[in-house]
C-alpha cells in the first residue's frame, strides 16, 4: 500500500476549539477516502496557537525558531493540506495569515489544499470564497472545489455534527484525497539542505 502525508493546520485560539474539531473531522474524511483508494495516510495536525510567539518572531527577524521550522517543513513537504481558520471580522484570523506569510513565496505552488473555516453564524461563510480561496490562489496552491464552513448550529445531532456539515466534510475530503492519490508522493524536506544560496548569504539577503 502506498502512503501519502497530509498536514493539517488549525488556527483555533481556544482549547478545545470548534476549529480543531472541524480539522479533525476533515482529516479523518481524507484518511478514510484515501484508504478506499488503496493509499495509507499519515496525518499530522499543527495547532498554530502553540507557535504564535514564534510566528511573530519569524515575521520580525526573518528566521523561524526550531519548533516553527519543523511545522513549516512538514507543511511544505506534505502531499496535501487541510487548513482551518476561525473567521474574525469577516476574514481569516491574523494568526492564520501570519503563518502563511512566513512561508517562502513558492512553497505551496501546486500543493492540493482543502480550505475550511468556523464561525458563530453562517453569515460569515462567504469569507471562504472572498478571503481564503484568493489567498491560496495567489500562493499557487491547488484548492479543491468544496470549501467547508461550520457555524455553531452545525455542531449537534446524534453524531455531534449536522447532516449537512457531515456531507460537506465528506465531499471536501474526497476531493482532496482524489488529488493527493493521483500525484506522486512528495519527498520529505532535507534538514541539511541549503535554503539560501551562497550569493544571497554574502549579499545579506
Protein backbone atom coordinates (compact mmCIF):
# COMPACT_ATOMS: atom_id res chain seq x y z
CA UNK A 1 0.00 0.00 0.00
CA UNK A 2 1.32 3.42 -0.94
CA UNK A 3 1.49 6.24 1.60
CA UNK A 4 0.71 9.94 1.40
CA UNK A 5 1.35 12.59 4.02
CA UNK A 6 -1.38 15.06 4.99
CA UNK A 7 -0.58 18.14 7.06
CA UNK A 8 -3.43 19.82 8.94
CA UNK A 9 -3.15 23.46 10.01
CA UNK A 10 -5.61 24.61 12.67
CA UNK A 11 -5.71 28.25 13.74
CA UNK A 12 -8.17 27.91 16.60
CA UNK A 13 -7.37 30.05 19.64
CA UNK A 14 -9.34 28.32 22.38
CA UNK A 15 -8.75 24.89 23.88
CA UNK A 16 -10.74 22.94 22.88
CA UNK A 17 -11.96 24.73 19.76
CA UNK A 18 -14.53 24.08 17.06
CA UNK A 19 -11.77 24.90 14.56
CA UNK A 20 -9.70 21.94 15.75
CA UNK A 21 -12.83 19.77 15.85
CA UNK A 22 -13.55 20.57 12.20
CA UNK A 23 -9.89 19.98 11.31
CA UNK A 24 -10.02 16.51 12.88
CA UNK A 25 -13.25 15.65 11.02
CA UNK A 26 -11.75 16.72 7.71
CA UNK A 27 -8.51 14.84 8.33
CA UNK A 28 -10.49 11.67 9.07
CA UNK A 29 -12.55 12.11 5.90
CA UNK A 30 -9.39 12.45 3.82
CA UNK A 31 -7.83 9.42 5.52
CA UNK A 32 -10.95 7.29 5.00
CA UNK A 33 -11.27 8.20 1.33
CA UNK A 34 -7.58 7.56 0.65
CA UNK A 35 -7.94 4.14 2.26
CA UNK A 36 -10.67 3.23 -0.25
CA UNK A 37 -8.17 4.12 -2.99
CA UNK A 38 -5.53 1.81 -1.54
CA UNK A 39 -3.50 4.67 -0.09
CA UNK A 40 -2.46 4.96 3.54
CA UNK A 41 -2.47 8.46 5.04
CA UNK A 42 0.00 9.79 7.59
CA UNK A 43 -1.72 12.78 9.18
CA UNK A 44 -0.01 15.45 11.28
CA UNK A 45 -2.05 18.19 12.96
CA UNK A 46 -0.44 21.53 13.77
CA UNK A 47 -2.09 23.92 16.24
CA UNK A 48 -0.85 27.41 15.36
CA UNK A 49 -1.74 28.73 18.83
CA UNK A 50 1.21 26.72 20.14
CA UNK A 51 3.56 28.61 17.82
CA UNK A 52 2.05 32.11 17.98
CA UNK A 53 5.10 33.79 19.53
CA UNK A 54 7.48 32.02 17.17
CA UNK A 55 5.41 33.10 14.16
CA UNK A 56 5.65 36.72 15.31
CA UNK A 57 9.40 36.39 15.86
CA UNK A 58 9.82 34.86 12.42
CA UNK A 59 7.99 37.78 10.84
CA UNK A 60 10.21 40.27 12.71
CA UNK A 61 13.55 38.55 12.19
CA UNK A 62 13.08 36.54 9.01
CA UNK A 63 14.16 33.35 10.79
CA UNK A 64 11.89 30.64 12.14
CA UNK A 65 12.78 29.09 15.52
CA UNK A 66 13.38 25.33 15.52
CA UNK A 67 9.86 24.31 16.57
CA UNK A 68 8.17 26.51 13.98
CA UNK A 69 10.63 25.44 11.29
CA UNK A 70 9.63 21.82 11.87
CA UNK A 71 5.99 22.79 11.27
CA UNK A 72 6.90 24.72 8.13
CA UNK A 73 8.93 21.81 6.78
CA UNK A 74 6.06 19.39 7.38
CA UNK A 75 3.53 21.68 5.70
CA UNK A 76 5.74 22.39 2.70
CA UNK A 77 6.69 18.74 2.13
CA UNK A 78 3.22 17.24 2.70
CA UNK A 79 1.32 15.68 -0.20
CA UNK A 80 -1.82 17.61 0.74
CA UNK A 81 -3.01 20.24 3.20
CA UNK A 82 -6.13 20.76 5.27
CA UNK A 83 -6.28 24.34 6.58
CA UNK A 84 -8.91 25.61 9.02
CA UNK A 85 -9.31 29.09 10.49
CA UNK A 86 -11.86 30.82 12.67
CA UNK A 87 -13.45 33.82 10.97
CA UNK A 88 -12.81 37.18 12.63
CA UNK A 89 -14.14 40.46 11.18
CA UNK A 90 -15.30 38.69 8.01
CA UNK A 91 -11.90 37.18 7.21
CA UNK A 92 -9.28 34.64 8.31
CA UNK A 93 -7.57 35.18 11.66
CA UNK A 94 -4.36 37.16 11.92
CA UNK A 95 -2.55 34.11 13.30
CA UNK A 96 -3.62 32.03 10.30
CA UNK A 97 -2.47 34.67 7.79
CA UNK A 98 0.79 35.30 9.64
CA UNK A 99 1.77 31.63 9.46
CA UNK A 100 1.40 31.56 5.69
CA UNK A 101 3.19 34.90 5.43
CA UNK A 102 6.37 33.34 6.84
CA UNK A 103 6.48 30.62 4.17
CA UNK A 104 8.62 31.07 1.09
CA UNK A 105 6.54 32.59 -1.71
CA UNK A 106 6.58 29.45 -3.90
CA UNK A 107 6.39 26.92 -1.05
CA UNK A 108 2.80 25.85 -1.76
CA UNK A 109 2.88 26.02 -5.56
CA UNK A 110 0.92 23.07 -6.94
CA UNK A 111 0.02 21.79 -3.45
CA UNK A 112 -3.52 20.31 -3.09
CA UNK A 113 -5.34 22.23 -0.34
CA UNK A 114 -8.73 21.83 1.33
CA UNK A 115 -9.84 25.12 2.92
CA UNK A 116 -12.27 25.33 5.84
CA UNK A 117 -13.47 27.80 8.45
CA UNK A 118 -15.60 28.14 11.56
CA UNK A 119 -17.67 30.99 12.97
CA UNK A 120 -20.62 31.63 15.23
CA UNK A 121 -23.02 32.28 12.37
CA UNK A 122 -23.43 31.13 8.79
CA UNK A 123 -23.36 34.78 7.67
CA UNK A 124 -19.55 34.51 7.64
CA UNK A 125 -19.45 31.54 5.25
CA UNK A 126 -18.57 33.65 2.20
CA UNK A 127 -15.23 34.52 3.81
CA UNK A 128 -14.02 31.21 2.41
CA UNK A 129 -14.59 32.48 -1.12
CA UNK A 130 -13.58 36.14 -0.79
CA UNK A 131 -10.62 35.67 1.58
CA UNK A 132 -9.20 32.13 1.84
CA UNK A 133 -9.60 30.94 -1.74
CA UNK A 134 -7.97 34.05 -3.27
CA UNK A 135 -5.08 33.84 -0.80
CA UNK A 136 -4.25 30.25 -1.71
CA UNK A 137 -4.77 31.00 -5.40
CA UNK A 138 -2.16 33.75 -5.02
CA UNK A 139 0.18 31.17 -3.42
CA UNK A 140 -0.50 28.98 -6.49
CA UNK A 141 -1.86 26.11 -4.44
CA UNK A 142 -4.48 23.81 -5.99
CA UNK A 143 -7.61 24.44 -3.92
CA UNK A 144 -10.33 21.78 -4.12
CA UNK A 145 -13.79 22.95 -5.28
CA UNK A 146 -15.58 22.33 -1.97
CA UNK A 147 -14.81 24.73 0.88
CA UNK A 148 -16.15 23.58 4.26
CA UNK A 149 -17.74 26.03 6.68
CA UNK A 150 -19.13 25.19 10.11
CA UNK A 151 -21.31 27.54 12.16
CA UNK A 152 -22.31 26.99 15.78
CA UNK A 153 -25.59 25.38 14.77
CA UNK A 154 -23.73 22.72 12.75
CA UNK A 155 -22.44 21.09 15.92
CA UNK A 156 -25.15 18.84 17.26
CA UNK A 157 -27.25 15.86 16.25
CA UNK A 158 -26.74 12.20 17.02
CA UNK A 159 -23.07 12.13 15.99
CA UNK A 160 -22.26 15.61 17.27
CA UNK A 161 -22.42 17.08 13.79
CA UNK A 162 -25.27 18.09 11.48
CA UNK A 163 -26.03 16.01 8.42
CA UNK A 164 -25.35 18.96 6.11
CA UNK A 165 -21.91 19.60 7.60
CA UNK A 166 -21.10 15.90 7.50
CA UNK A 167 -21.91 15.85 3.79
CA UNK A 168 -19.64 18.85 3.15
CA UNK A 169 -16.84 17.26 5.15
CA UNK A 170 -17.06 14.02 3.18
CA UNK A 171 -17.24 15.82 -0.17
CA UNK A 172 -14.29 18.08 0.59
CA UNK A 173 -12.26 15.19 1.99
CA UNK A 174 -12.94 13.07 -1.10
CA UNK A 175 -11.88 15.89 -3.42
CA UNK A 176 -8.58 16.36 -1.59
CA UNK A 177 -7.99 12.60 -1.44
CA UNK A 178 -8.53 12.29 -5.18
CA UNK A 179 -5.90 14.97 -5.94
CA UNK A 180 -3.42 13.57 -3.43
CA UNK A 181 -3.78 9.97 -4.62
CA UNK A 182 -3.25 10.99 -8.24
CA UNK A 183 0.07 12.72 -7.52
CA UNK A 184 3.49 11.24 -6.87
CA UNK A 185 4.43 11.36 -3.21
CA UNK A 186 6.39 14.44 -2.13
CA UNK A 187 9.87 13.85 -0.77
CA UNK A 188 10.38 14.85 2.87
CA UNK A 189 12.38 18.03 3.34
CA UNK A 190 16.15 17.54 3.69
CA UNK A 191 17.08 19.09 7.07
CA UNK A 192 20.66 19.61 5.83
CA UNK A 193 19.78 21.20 2.51
CA UNK A 194 20.70 24.84 2.00
CA UNK A 195 17.58 27.00 1.83
CA UNK A 196 19.56 30.13 0.90
CA UNK A 197 22.18 30.38 -1.82
CA UNK A 198 25.73 31.49 -1.01
CA UNK A 199 25.17 34.56 -3.18
CA UNK A 200 22.18 35.61 -1.06
CA UNK A 201 24.13 34.94 2.14
CA UNK A 202 27.02 37.12 1.01
CA UNK A 203 24.62 39.84 -0.07
CA UNK A 204 22.90 39.74 3.32
CA UNK A 205 19.57 38.60 1.91
